[in-house]
Amino acid sequence: MNCRLYHGDCLNIMPTLQPGSVDLILCDPPYGTIKGAELKSWNNDTTQWDDAIEPAALFAACERVLRVNGMLILFAREPYTSRLITNAHNNAPFSYRLVWKKEGFGIGLNARKAPVSYFEDVLVFSKIARYDPKFDHPLREYARRVTTFAGVTDTQARKALGHSKASHFLTPDGIQFGLPTRDTYNQLIDVYNLTALPGFLTYEEMKVIHENWRNNRQLPPRVFNLPPGRGHKSNVLEYARDRERYHPTQKPVALLEDLIQTYSNPGDTVLDFTMGSGSTGVACLNTGRRFIGIEKDKKYFDIAAARIEKSGQVAA
């Protein structure tokens, strides 16, 4: 099974996907800049689909399904670009920007009000291994014994310490569990007399355990494949639009293939959570990747399913 297509709202469907199951998210989400406009060149259709997703909800859903060291790539345009960059998830921070240079300016609805744009932003985010998503940190059990011995909750400790710097350590069942700083741990020792705890660990002992765990984790690598025979990759991607047009904001399949080959490997799983007419799915099948596509608009979902099936692989 190389494709899975879902008709519905991405914010409802993405929570049903397996956490950490996606290697690359490549998506052209609605920018919210032309919503409700009439497109005479598209049978007078209106752009009701151009409803921008709130960045916080978008990033939370993406961070959950993306594997550690996986990449999230979003097409965007101002002012949506700035909203995405400034609201990036702590576990999937903004890395850098590429530019798609077009041969024309596309939909010129505001041509009489502002300069037309011959480029679109391609924003790259990467999920980092900051926390313990597998809940296998060996110090979690020790932290449980600390909280039991001290007889406090994280909230109570915040009041006693006057800050929240010990919160990640004192929530041993939380996804953001982590080692406190030396000063914070010393403060915990003083306030709660931790040296009397059976099996008490010094900070140095905890640090050794933490470093061994971090060094021994088997995490998949971050992917960045250079073009064949090249020693670098430009941040300007110049591709003409496809001759066959199915969607007003359709991206060239060749451009999507470029990004897919750069940021994933054959056999990897790629997600497009607003797939439109299915260009990302076609590009995935052309490059030997597995594809998960989500689309809310029934008209474009049907177009995407037909295009992907025509490409030689039946979507299931």
C-alpha atoms as a PDB file:
ATOM      1  CA  MET A   1       0.000   0.000   0.000  1.00  0.00           C
ATOM      2  CA  ASN A   2       1.753   3.144  -1.221  1.00  0.00           C
ATOM      3  CA  CYS A   3      -1.027   5.698  -0.683  1.00  0.00           C
ATOM      4  CA  ARG A   4      -3.642   6.531   1.907  1.00  0.00           C
ATOM      5  CA  LEU A   5      -6.101   9.290   1.054  1.00  0.00           C
ATOM      6  CA  TYR A   6      -8.511  10.868   3.533  1.00  0.00           C
ATOM      7  CA  HIS A   7     -11.455  13.147   2.752  1.00  0.00           C
ATOM      8  CA  GLY A   8     -12.052  15.517   5.655  1.00  0.00           C
ATOM      9  CA  ASP A   9     -10.604  18.241   7.858  1.00  0.00           C
ATOM     10  CA  CYS A  10      -6.903  17.686   8.512  1.00  0.00           C
ATOM     11  CA  LEU A  11      -7.237  18.783  12.147  1.00  0.00           C
ATOM     12  CA  ASN A  12      -9.750  15.972  12.680  1.00  0.00           C
ATOM     13  CA  ILE A  13      -7.886  13.316  10.712  1.00  0.00           C
ATOM     14  CA  MET A  14      -4.264  13.913  11.746  1.00  0.00           C
ATOM     15  CA  PRO A  15      -4.936  12.922  15.406  1.00  0.00           C
ATOM     16  CA  THR A  16      -5.933   9.466  14.108  1.00  0.00           C
ATOM     17  CA  LEU A  17      -2.523   8.894  12.488  1.00  0.00           C
ATOM     18  CA  GLN A  18       0.198   7.036  14.364  1.00  0.00           C
ATOM     19  CA  PRO A  19       2.509   9.376  16.346  1.00  0.00           C
ATOM     20  CA  GLY A  20       5.966   9.708  14.816  1.00  0.00           C
ATOM     21  CA  SER A  21       4.935   7.774  11.707  1.00  0.00           C
ATOM     22  CA  VAL A  22       5.741  10.433   9.078  1.00  0.00           C
ATOM     23  CA  ASP A  23       9.241  11.119   7.724  1.00  0.00           C
ATOM     24  CA  LEU A  24       8.421  14.314   5.815  1.00  0.00           C
ATOM     25  CA  ILE A  25       5.484  16.709   5.786  1.00  0.00           C
ATOM     26  CA  LEU A  26       5.279  18.660   2.529  1.00  0.00           C
ATOM     27  CA  CYS A  27       2.256  20.899   2.253  1.00  0.00           C
ATOM     28  CA  ASP A  28       0.890  24.017   0.579  1.00  0.00           C
ATOM     29  CA  PRO A  29      -1.689  25.121   3.165  1.00  0.00           C
ATOM     30  CA  PRO A  30      -4.221  27.865   2.402  1.00  0.00           C
ATOM     31  CA  TYR A  31      -2.687  31.309   3.008  1.00  0.00           C
ATOM     32  CA  GLY A  32      -5.989  33.081   3.677  1.00  0.00           C
ATOM     33  CA  THR A  33      -5.138  35.919   1.270  1.00  0.00           C
ATOM     34  CA  ILE A  34      -7.762  35.333  -1.459  1.00  0.00           C
ATOM     35  CA  LYS A  35     -10.657  33.725   0.445  1.00  0.00           C
ATOM     36  CA  GLY A  36     -14.021  34.362  -1.199  1.00  0.00           C
ATOM     37  CA  ALA A  37     -12.597  35.877  -4.381  1.00  0.00           C
ATOM     38  CA  GLU A  38     -14.100  34.985  -7.760  1.00  0.00           C
ATOM     39  CA  LEU A  39     -11.683  33.368 -10.212  1.00  0.00           C
ATOM     40  CA  LYS A  40     -12.955  34.020 -13.734  1.00  0.00           C
ATOM     41  CA  SER A  41     -10.264  31.820 -15.252  1.00  0.00           C
ATOM     42  CA  TRP A  42     -11.497  28.920 -13.117  1.00  0.00           C
ATOM     43  CA  ASN A  43     -15.156  28.792 -14.234  1.00  0.00           C
ATOM     44  CA  ASN A  44     -15.978  31.679 -11.899  1.00  0.00           C
ATOM     45  CA  ASP A  45     -15.260  29.482  -8.882  1.00  0.00           C
ATOM     46  CA  THR A  46     -14.856  31.261  -5.561  1.00  0.00           C
ATOM     47  CA  THR A  47     -11.932  30.597  -3.240  1.00  0.00           C
ATOM     48  CA  GLN A  48     -13.895  29.494  -0.180  1.00  0.00           C
ATOM     49  CA  TRP A  49     -11.194  26.866   0.382  1.00  0.00           C
ATOM     50  CA  ASP A  50      -8.589  29.583   1.121  1.00  0.00           C
ATOM     51  CA  ASP A  51      -9.102  29.502   4.878  1.00  0.00           C
ATOM     52  CA  ALA A  52      -5.767  29.760   6.727  1.00  0.00           C
ATOM     53  CA  ILE A  53      -5.198  27.224   9.509  1.00  0.00           C
ATOM     54  CA  GLU A  54      -4.218  28.713  12.844  1.00  0.00           C
ATOM     55  CA  PRO A  55      -0.460  28.101  13.252  1.00  0.00           C
ATOM     56  CA  ALA A  56      -0.737  26.738  16.801  1.00  0.00           C
ATOM     57  CA  ALA A  57      -3.195  24.025  15.762  1.00  0.00           C
ATOM     58  CA  LEU A  58      -1.258  23.290  12.573  1.00  0.00           C
ATOM     59  CA  PHE A  59       2.084  22.863  14.321  1.00  0.00           C
ATOM     60  CA  ALA A  60       0.659  20.794  17.186  1.00  0.00           C
ATOM     61  CA  ALA A  61      -0.853  18.319  14.734  1.00  0.00           C
ATOM     62  CA  CYS A  62       2.316  18.173  12.630  1.00  0.00           C
ATOM     63  CA  GLU A  63       4.684  17.787  15.588  1.00  0.00           C
ATOM     64  CA  ARG A  64       2.705  14.806  16.822  1.00  0.00           C
ATOM     65  CA  VAL A  65       2.864  12.749  13.608  1.00  0.00           C
ATOM     66  CA  LEU A  66       6.371  13.763  12.493  1.00  0.00           C
ATOM     67  CA  ARG A  67       9.262  11.553  13.562  1.00  0.00           C
ATOM     68  CA  VAL A  68      12.254  12.960  15.423  1.00  0.00           C
ATOM     69  CA  ASN A  69      14.636  14.597  12.914  1.00  0.00           C
ATOM     70  CA  GLY A  70      11.844  14.622  10.315  1.00  0.00           C
ATOM     71  CA  MET A  71      11.292  17.739   8.223  1.00  0.00           C
ATOM     72  CA  LEU A  72       8.207  19.925   7.868  1.00  0.00           C
ATOM     73  CA  ILE A  73       8.084  22.007   4.670  1.00  0.00           C
ATOM     74  CA  LEU A  74       5.342  24.578   4.118  1.00  0.00           C
ATOM     75  CA  PHE A  75       4.696  26.846   1.161  1.00  0.00           C
ATOM     76  CA  ALA A  76       3.598  30.297   2.283  1.00  0.00           C
ATOM     77  CA  ARG A  77       3.287  33.973   1.470  1.00  0.00           C
ATOM     78  CA  GLU A  78       3.140  37.071   3.620  1.00  0.00           C
ATOM     79  CA  PRO A  79       1.518  37.760   5.984  1.00  0.00           C
ATOM     80  CA  TYR A  80       1.050  34.017   6.607  1.00  0.00           C
ATOM     81  CA  THR A  81       4.807  33.433   6.325  1.00  0.00           C
ATOM     82  CA  SER A  82       5.544  35.582   9.376  1.00  0.00           C
ATOM     83  CA  ARG A  83       2.744  33.969  11.378  1.00  0.00           C
ATOM     84  CA  LEU A  84       4.163  30.512  10.703  1.00  0.00           C
ATOM     85  CA  ILE A  85       7.750  31.432  11.524  1.00  0.00           C
ATOM     86  CA  THR A  86       6.927  33.260  14.758  1.00  0.00           C
ATOM     87  CA  ASN A  87       4.516  30.583  16.001  1.00  0.00           C
ATOM     88  CA  ALA A  88       6.637  27.508  15.290  1.00  0.00           C
ATOM     89  CA  HIS A  89       6.405  24.610  17.760  1.00  0.00           C
ATOM     90  CA  ASN A  90       9.221  24.364  20.331  1.00  0.00           C
ATOM     91  CA  ASN A  91       9.916  20.802  19.178  1.00  0.00           C
ATOM     92  CA  ALA A  92       9.875  21.733  15.479  1.00  0.00           C
ATOM     93  CA  PRO A  93      11.541  25.144  15.187  1.00  0.00           C
ATOM     94  CA  PHE A  94      11.984  27.136  11.989  1.00  0.00           C
ATOM     95  CA  SER A  95      15.264  26.271  10.244  1.00  0.00           C
ATOM     96  CA  TYR A  96      15.491  28.341   7.061  1.00  0.00           C
ATOM     97  CA  ARG A  97      13.646  29.599   4.005  1.00  0.00           C
ATOM     98  CA  LEU A  98      13.802  28.572   0.356  1.00  0.00           C
ATOM     99  CA  VAL A  99      12.156  30.474  -2.483  1.00  0.00           C
ATOM    100  CA  TRP A 100      10.160  29.138  -5.405  1.00  0.00           C
ATOM    101  CA  LYS A 101      10.771  31.481  -8.332  1.00  0.00           C
ATOM    102  CA  LYS A 102       7.830  31.356 -10.734  1.00  0.00           C
ATOM    103  CA  GLU A 103       7.725  32.243 -14.409  1.00  0.00           C
ATOM    104  CA  GLY A 104       4.707  34.485 -13.740  1.00  0.00           C
ATOM    105  CA  PHE A 105       2.763  35.973 -10.867  1.00  0.00           C
ATOM    106  CA  GLY A 106      -0.186  33.574 -10.876  1.00  0.00           C
ATOM    107  CA  ILE A 107      -3.430  34.956  -9.440  1.00  0.00           C
ATOM    108  CA  GLY A 108      -3.259  38.740  -9.723  1.00  0.00           C
ATOM    109  CA  LEU A 109      -6.376  39.636  -7.763  1.00  0.00           C
ATOM    110  CA  ASN A 110      -4.656  42.566  -6.032  1.00  0.00           C
ATOM    111  CA  ALA A 111      -2.528  43.677  -8.977  1.00  0.00           C
ATOM    112  CA  ARG A 112      -3.980  47.212  -8.878  1.00  0.00           C
ATOM    113  CA  LYS A 113      -3.360  47.557  -5.142  1.00  0.00           C
ATOM    114  CA  ALA A 114       0.102  46.092  -4.531  1.00  0.00           C
ATOM    115  CA  PRO A 115       3.099  44.669  -6.424  1.00  0.00           C
ATOM    116  CA  VAL A 116       2.531  41.203  -7.827  1.00  0.00           C
ATOM    117  CA  SER A 117       4.731  38.410  -6.514  1.00  0.00           C
ATOM    118  CA  TYR A 118       6.968  36.276  -8.714  1.00  0.00           C
ATOM    119  CA  PHE A 119       8.017  34.019  -5.849  1.00  0.00           C
ATOM    120  CA  GLU A 120       6.596  32.055  -2.946  1.00  0.00           C
ATOM    121  CA  ASP A 121       8.237  31.150   0.334  1.00  0.00           C
ATOM    122  CA  VAL A 122       9.173  27.560   1.107  1.00  0.00           C
ATOM    123  CA  LEU A 123       9.622  27.318   4.887  1.00  0.00           C
ATOM    124  CA  VAL A 124      11.661  24.490   6.396  1.00  0.00           C
ATOM    125  CA  PHE A 125      11.129  23.316   9.983  1.00  0.00           C
ATOM    126  CA  SER A 126      12.765  20.304  11.635  1.00  0.00           C
ATOM    127  CA  LYS A 127      11.641  18.209  14.592  1.00  0.00           C
ATOM    128  CA  ILE A 128      14.356  18.007  17.204  1.00  0.00           C
ATOM    129  CA  ALA A 129      15.097  15.364  19.837  1.00  0.00           C
ATOM    130  CA  ARG A 130      14.689  17.763  22.723  1.00  0.00           C
ATOM    131  CA  TYR A 131      12.554  15.575  24.946  1.00  0.00           C
ATOM    132  CA  ASP A 132      11.811  11.898  25.529  1.00  0.00           C
ATOM    133  CA  PRO A 133       8.958  10.958  23.159  1.00  0.00           C
ATOM    134  CA  LYS A 134       9.441   7.218  23.797  1.00  0.00           C
ATOM    135  CA  PHE A 135       9.168   7.644  27.600  1.00  0.00           C
ATOM    136  CA  ASP A 136      12.255   5.481  28.125  1.00  0.00           C
ATOM    137  CA  HIS A 137      14.494   7.893  30.045  1.00  0.00           C
ATOM    138  CA  PRO A 138      16.102   5.896  32.894  1.00  0.00           C
ATOM    139  CA  LEU A 139      15.793   8.830  35.317  1.00  0.00           C
ATOM    140  CA  ARG A 140      11.996   8.906  35.127  1.00  0.00           C
ATOM    141  CA  GLU A 141      11.730   6.276  37.875  1.00  0.00           C
ATOM    142  CA  TYR A 142      14.193   8.175  40.059  1.00  0.00           C
ATOM    143  CA  ALA A 143      12.147  11.363  39.578  1.00  0.00           C
ATOM    144  CA  ARG A 144       9.028   9.472  40.674  1.00  0.00           C
ATOM    145  CA  ARG A 145      10.809   8.425  43.874  1.00  0.00           C
ATOM    146  CA  VAL A 146      11.927  12.028  44.443  1.00  0.00           C
ATOM    147  CA  THR A 147       8.371  13.382  44.187  1.00  0.00           C
ATOM    148  CA  THR A 148       7.034  10.596  46.420  1.00  0.00           C
ATOM    149  CA  PHE A 149       9.748  11.144  49.027  1.00  0.00           C
ATOM    150  CA  ALA A 150       9.263  14.926  49.003  1.00  0.00           C
ATOM    151  CA  GLY A 151       5.489  14.504  49.058  1.00  0.00           C
ATOM    152  CA  VAL A 152       4.934  17.345  46.608  1.00  0.00           C
ATOM    153  CA  THR A 153       3.409  17.961  43.228  1.00  0.00           C
ATOM    154  CA  ASP A 154       4.992  20.113  40.564  1.00  0.00           C
ATOM    155  CA  THR A 155       2.603  22.944  41.451  1.00  0.00           C
ATOM    156  CA  GLN A 156       3.545  22.800  45.129  1.00  0.00           C
ATOM    157  CA  ALA A 157       7.249  22.714  44.270  1.00  0.00           C
ATOM    158  CA  ARG A 158       6.898  25.834  42.137  1.00  0.00           C
ATOM    159  CA  LYS A 159       5.594  27.726  45.149  1.00  0.00           C
ATOM    160  CA  ALA A 160       8.296  26.383  47.456  1.00  0.00           C
ATOM    161  CA  LEU A 161      11.149  27.087  45.022  1.00  0.00           C
ATOM    162  CA  GLY A 162       9.782  30.365  43.700  1.00  0.00           C
ATOM    163  CA  HIS A 163      10.111  29.274  40.060  1.00  0.00           C
ATOM    164  CA  SER A 164       9.186  26.502  37.620  1.00  0.00           C
ATOM    165  CA  LYS A 165      12.703  25.418  36.603  1.00  0.00           C
ATOM    166  CA  ALA A 166      12.228  21.967  38.144  1.00  0.00           C
ATOM    167  CA  SER A 167       8.906  21.316  36.388  1.00  0.00           C
ATOM    168  CA  HIS A 168      10.172  18.989  33.658  1.00  0.00           C
ATOM    169  CA  PHE A 169      12.017  16.867  36.230  1.00  0.00           C
ATOM    170  CA  LEU A 170       9.110  16.782  38.686  1.00  0.00           C
ATOM    171  CA  THR A 171       6.632  15.586  36.048  1.00  0.00           C
ATOM    172  CA  PRO A 172       8.175  12.143  35.420  1.00  0.00           C
ATOM    173  CA  ASP A 173       5.254  10.972  33.293  1.00  0.00           C
ATOM    174  CA  GLY A 174       5.256  14.023  31.019  1.00  0.00           C
ATOM    175  CA  ILE A 175       6.554  14.076  27.450  1.00  0.00           C
ATOM    176  CA  GLN A 176       8.866  16.998  28.286  1.00  0.00           C
ATOM    177  CA  PHE A 177      10.655  15.169  31.096  1.00  0.00           C
ATOM    178  CA  GLY A 178      14.274  16.244  31.419  1.00  0.00           C
ATOM    179  CA  LEU A 179      17.266  16.809  33.680  1.00  0.00           C
ATOM    180  CA  PRO A 180      17.184  19.985  35.817  1.00  0.00           C
ATOM    181  CA  THR A 181      20.131  22.336  36.046  1.00  0.00           C
ATOM    182  CA  ARG A 182      22.710  21.764  38.756  1.00  0.00           C
ATOM    183  CA  ASP A 183      21.540  24.833  40.710  1.00  0.00           C
ATOM    184  CA  THR A 184      17.906  23.758  40.561  1.00  0.00           C
ATOM    185  CA  TYR A 185      18.725  20.232  41.708  1.00  0.00           C
ATOM    186  CA  ASN A 186      20.800  21.595  44.599  1.00  0.00           C
ATOM    187  CA  GLN A 187      17.819  23.716  45.586  1.00  0.00           C
ATOM    188  CA  LEU A 188      15.593  20.629  45.567  1.00  0.00           C
ATOM    189  CA  ILE A 189      18.134  18.838  47.758  1.00  0.00           C
ATOM    190  CA  ASP A 190      18.127  21.660  50.311  1.00  0.00           C
ATOM    191  CA  VAL A 191      14.372  22.256  50.414  1.00  0.00           C
ATOM    192  CA  TYR A 192      13.318  18.604  50.534  1.00  0.00           C
ATOM    193  CA  ASN A 193      16.354  17.001  52.234  1.00  0.00           C
ATOM    194  CA  LEU A 194      16.876  14.650  49.302  1.00  0.00           C
ATOM    195  CA  THR A 195      20.164  13.291  50.666  1.00  0.00           C
ATOM    196  CA  ALA A 196      17.991  11.221  53.039  1.00  0.00           C
ATOM    197  CA  LEU A 197      16.265   9.581  50.064  1.00  0.00           C
ATOM    198  CA  PRO A 198      17.239   5.877  49.739  1.00  0.00           C
ATOM    199  CA  GLY A 199      19.211   5.547  46.523  1.00  0.00           C
ATOM    200  CA  PHE A 200      19.881   9.298  46.362  1.00  0.00           C
ATOM    201  CA  LEU A 201      21.806  10.359  43.254  1.00  0.00           C
ATOM    202  CA  THR A 202      24.191  13.273  43.086  1.00  0.00           C
ATOM    203  CA  TYR A 203      23.917  15.624  40.145  1.00  0.00           C
ATOM    204  CA  GLU A 204      27.067  14.146  38.628  1.00  0.00           C
ATOM    205  CA  GLU A 205      25.587  10.652  38.844  1.00  0.00           C
ATOM    206  CA  MET A 206      22.375  11.826  37.201  1.00  0.00           C
ATOM    207  CA  LYS A 207      24.331  13.584  34.472  1.00  0.00           C
ATOM    208  CA  VAL A 208      26.257  10.404  33.609  1.00  0.00           C
ATOM    209  CA  ILE A 209      23.007   8.422  33.351  1.00  0.00           C
ATOM    210  CA  HIS A 210      21.441  11.151  31.215  1.00  0.00           C
ATOM    211  CA  GLU A 211      24.419  11.405  28.847  1.00  0.00           C
ATOM    212  CA  ASN A 212      24.600   7.628  28.400  1.00  0.00           C
ATOM    213  CA  TRP A 213      20.898   7.512  27.566  1.00  0.00           C
ATOM    214  CA  ARG A 214      21.190  10.392  25.103  1.00  0.00           C
ATOM    215  CA  ASN A 215      24.223   8.902  23.359  1.00  0.00           C
ATOM    216  CA  ASN A 216      22.688   5.438  23.042  1.00  0.00           C
ATOM    217  CA  ARG A 217      19.361   6.489  21.559  1.00  0.00           C
ATOM    218  CA  GLN A 218      18.773   5.051  18.100  1.00  0.00           C
ATOM    219  CA  LEU A 219      17.260   8.033  16.313  1.00  0.00           C
ATOM    220  CA  PRO A 220      16.750   8.192  12.550  1.00  0.00           C
ATOM    221  CA  PRO A 221      19.028  10.779  10.938  1.00  0.00           C
ATOM    222  CA  ARG A 222      18.011  14.121   9.497  1.00  0.00           C
ATOM    223  CA  VAL A 223      17.857  13.855   5.710  1.00  0.00           C
ATOM    224  CA  PHE A 224      19.421  16.362   3.320  1.00  0.00           C
ATOM    225  CA  ASN A 225      20.291  14.879  -0.057  1.00  0.00           C
ATOM    226  CA  LEU A 226      22.260  17.021  -2.488  1.00  0.00           C
ATOM    227  CA  PRO A 227      21.454  16.888  -6.215  1.00  0.00           C
ATOM    228  CA  PRO A 228      23.469  14.226  -8.079  1.00  0.00           C
ATOM    229  CA  GLY A 229      26.951  15.465  -8.900  1.00  0.00           C
ATOM    230  CA  ARG A 230      26.504  18.714  -6.966  1.00  0.00           C
ATOM    231  CA  GLY A 231      28.268  19.911  -3.835  1.00  0.00           C
ATOM    232  CA  HIS A 232      25.537  22.342  -2.790  1.00  0.00           C
ATOM    233  CA  LYS A 233      21.859  23.179  -3.176  1.00  0.00           C
ATOM    234  CA  SER A 234      20.554  26.654  -3.988  1.00  0.00           C
ATOM    235  CA  ASN A 235      17.844  28.260  -1.871  1.00  0.00           C
ATOM    236  CA  VAL A 236      16.200  29.513  -5.081  1.00  0.00           C
ATOM    237  CA  LEU A 237      14.054  26.862  -6.780  1.00  0.00           C
ATOM    238  CA  GLU A 238      13.083  27.851 -10.313  1.00  0.00           C
ATOM    239  CA  TYR A 239      10.317  25.759 -11.867  1.00  0.00           C
ATOM    240  CA  ALA A 240       7.648  26.513 -14.458  1.00  0.00           C
ATOM    241  CA  ARG A 241       4.024  25.696 -13.741  1.00  0.00           C
ATOM    242  CA  ASP A 242       2.630  22.395 -14.972  1.00  0.00           C
ATOM    243  CA  ARG A 243       0.778  22.496 -18.279  1.00  0.00           C
ATOM    244  CA  GLU A 244      -2.179  20.555 -16.912  1.00  0.00           C
ATOM    245  CA  ARG A 245      -3.862  22.712 -14.283  1.00  0.00           C
ATOM    246  CA  TYR A 246      -6.282  21.284 -11.746  1.00  0.00           C
ATOM    247  CA  HIS A 247      -6.160  23.851  -8.918  1.00  0.00           C
ATOM    248  CA  PRO A 248      -5.644  27.648  -8.791  1.00  0.00           C
ATOM    249  CA  THR A 249      -2.624  27.368  -6.452  1.00  0.00           C
ATOM    250  CA  GLN A 250      -1.214  24.124  -7.860  1.00  0.00           C
ATOM    251  CA  LYS A 251       2.534  23.590  -7.399  1.00  0.00           C
ATOM    252  CA  PRO A 252       4.695  22.006 -10.131  1.00  0.00           C
ATOM    253  CA  VAL A 253       5.212  18.267  -9.708  1.00  0.00           C
ATOM    254  CA  ALA A 254       8.903  18.733 -10.591  1.00  0.00           C
ATOM    255  CA  LEU A 255       9.319  21.246  -7.741  1.00  0.00           C
ATOM    256  CA  LEU A 256       7.673  18.860  -5.300  1.00  0.00           C
ATOM    257  CA  GLU A 257       9.860  15.994  -6.527  1.00  0.00           C
ATOM    258  CA  ASP A 258      12.930  18.165  -5.893  1.00  0.00           C
ATOM    259  CA  LEU A 259      11.881  18.829  -2.291  1.00  0.00           C
ATOM    260  CA  ILE A 260      10.887  15.210  -1.687  1.00  0.00           C
ATOM    261  CA  GLN A 261      14.215  13.897  -2.978  1.00  0.00           C
ATOM    262  CA  THR A 262      16.134  16.458  -0.907  1.00  0.00           C
ATOM    263  CA  TYR A 263      14.397  15.880   2.421  1.00  0.00           C
ATOM    264  CA  SER A 264      13.426  12.189   2.336  1.00  0.00           C
ATOM    265  CA  ASN A 265      14.683   8.819   1.138  1.00  0.00           C
ATOM    266  CA  PRO A 266      13.009   6.195  -1.071  1.00  0.00           C
ATOM    267  CA  GLY A 267      10.427   4.251   0.913  1.00  0.00           C
ATOM    268  CA  ASP A 268       9.834   7.103   3.381  1.00  0.00           C
ATOM    269  CA  THR A 269       6.330   8.300   4.249  1.00  0.00           C
ATOM    270  CA  VAL A 270       5.324  11.802   3.134  1.00  0.00           C
ATOM    271  CA  LEU A 271       2.220  13.630   4.392  1.00  0.00           C
ATOM    272  CA  ASP A 272       0.343  16.456   2.665  1.00  0.00           C
ATOM    273  CA  PHE A 273      -2.486  17.490   4.989  1.00  0.00           C
ATOM    274  CA  THR A 274      -4.132  19.895   2.482  1.00  0.00           C
ATOM    275  CA  MET A 275      -3.306  18.047  -0.722  1.00  0.00           C
ATOM    276  CA  GLY A 276      -5.612  19.963  -3.079  1.00  0.00           C
ATOM    277  CA  SER A 277      -5.468  18.288  -6.486  1.00  0.00           C
ATOM    278  CA  GLY A 278      -2.880  15.716  -5.383  1.00  0.00           C
ATOM    279  CA  SER A 279       0.367  16.978  -6.921  1.00  0.00           C
ATOM    280  CA  THR A 280       2.392  15.936  -3.861  1.00  0.00           C
ATOM    281  CA  GLY A 281       0.958  12.432  -4.108  1.00  0.00           C
ATOM    282  CA  VAL A 282       1.919  12.179  -7.775  1.00  0.00           C
ATOM    283  CA  ALA A 283       5.432  13.415  -6.938  1.00  0.00           C
ATOM    284  CA  CYS A 284       5.737  10.834  -4.146  1.00  0.00           C
ATOM    285  CA  LEU A 285       4.786   7.960  -6.402  1.00  0.00           C
ATOM    286  CA  ASN A 286       7.178   9.216  -9.073  1.00  0.00           C
ATOM    287  CA  THR A 287      10.040   9.162  -6.551  1.00  0.00           C
ATOM    288  CA  GLY A 288       9.253   5.919  -4.710  1.00  0.00           C
ATOM    289  CA  ARG A 289       7.821   7.364  -1.494  1.00  0.00           C
ATOM    290  CA  ARG A 290       4.726   6.374   0.457  1.00  0.00           C
ATOM    291  CA  PHE A 291       2.037   9.056   0.581  1.00  0.00           C
ATOM    292  CA  ILE A 292      -0.647  10.153   3.018  1.00  0.00           C
ATOM    293  CA  GLY A 293      -2.980  12.815   1.648  1.00  0.00           C
ATOM    294  CA  ILE A 294      -5.803  14.730   3.329  1.00  0.00           C
ATOM    295  CA  GLU A 295      -8.241  17.079   1.581  1.00  0.00           C
ATOM    296  CA  LYS A 296     -11.431  18.709   2.873  1.00  0.00           C
ATOM    297  CA  ASP A 297     -12.921  19.885  -0.448  1.00  0.00           C
ATOM    298  CA  LYS A 298     -14.744  16.935  -2.086  1.00  0.00           C
ATOM    299  CA  LYS A 299     -14.238  18.298  -5.593  1.00  0.00           C
ATOM    300  CA  TYR A 300     -10.468  18.465  -5.233  1.00  0.00           C
ATOM    301  CA  PHE A 301     -10.300  15.230  -3.260  1.00  0.00           C
ATOM    302  CA  ASP A 302     -11.876  13.399  -6.197  1.00  0.00           C
ATOM    303  CA  ILE A 303      -9.468  15.081  -8.622  1.00  0.00           C
ATOM    304  CA  ALA A 304      -6.509  14.073  -6.440  1.00  0.00           C
ATOM    305  CA  ALA A 305      -7.672  10.463  -6.165  1.00  0.00           C
ATOM    306  CA  ALA A 306      -8.097  10.223  -9.937  1.00  0.00           C
ATOM    307  CA  ARG A 307      -4.673  11.756 -10.651  1.00  0.00           C
ATOM    308  CA  ILE A 308      -2.917   9.441  -8.221  1.00  0.00           C
ATOM    309  CA  GLU A 309      -4.693   6.372  -9.576  1.00  0.00           C
ATOM    310  CA  LYS A 310      -3.787   7.443 -13.106  1.00  0.00           C
ATOM    311  CA  SER A 311      -0.139   7.675 -12.080  1.00  0.00           C
ATOM    312  CA  GLY A 312      -0.107   3.892 -11.851  1.00  0.00           C
ATOM    313  CA  GLN A 313      -0.732   3.250  -8.155  1.00  0.00           C
ATOM    314  CA  VAL A 314      -4.184   2.662  -6.739  1.00  0.00           C
ATOM    315  CA  ALA A 315      -4.786   4.672  -3.549  1.00  0.00           C
ATOM    316  CA  ALA A 316      -6.268   2.708  -0.680  1.00  0.00           C
END
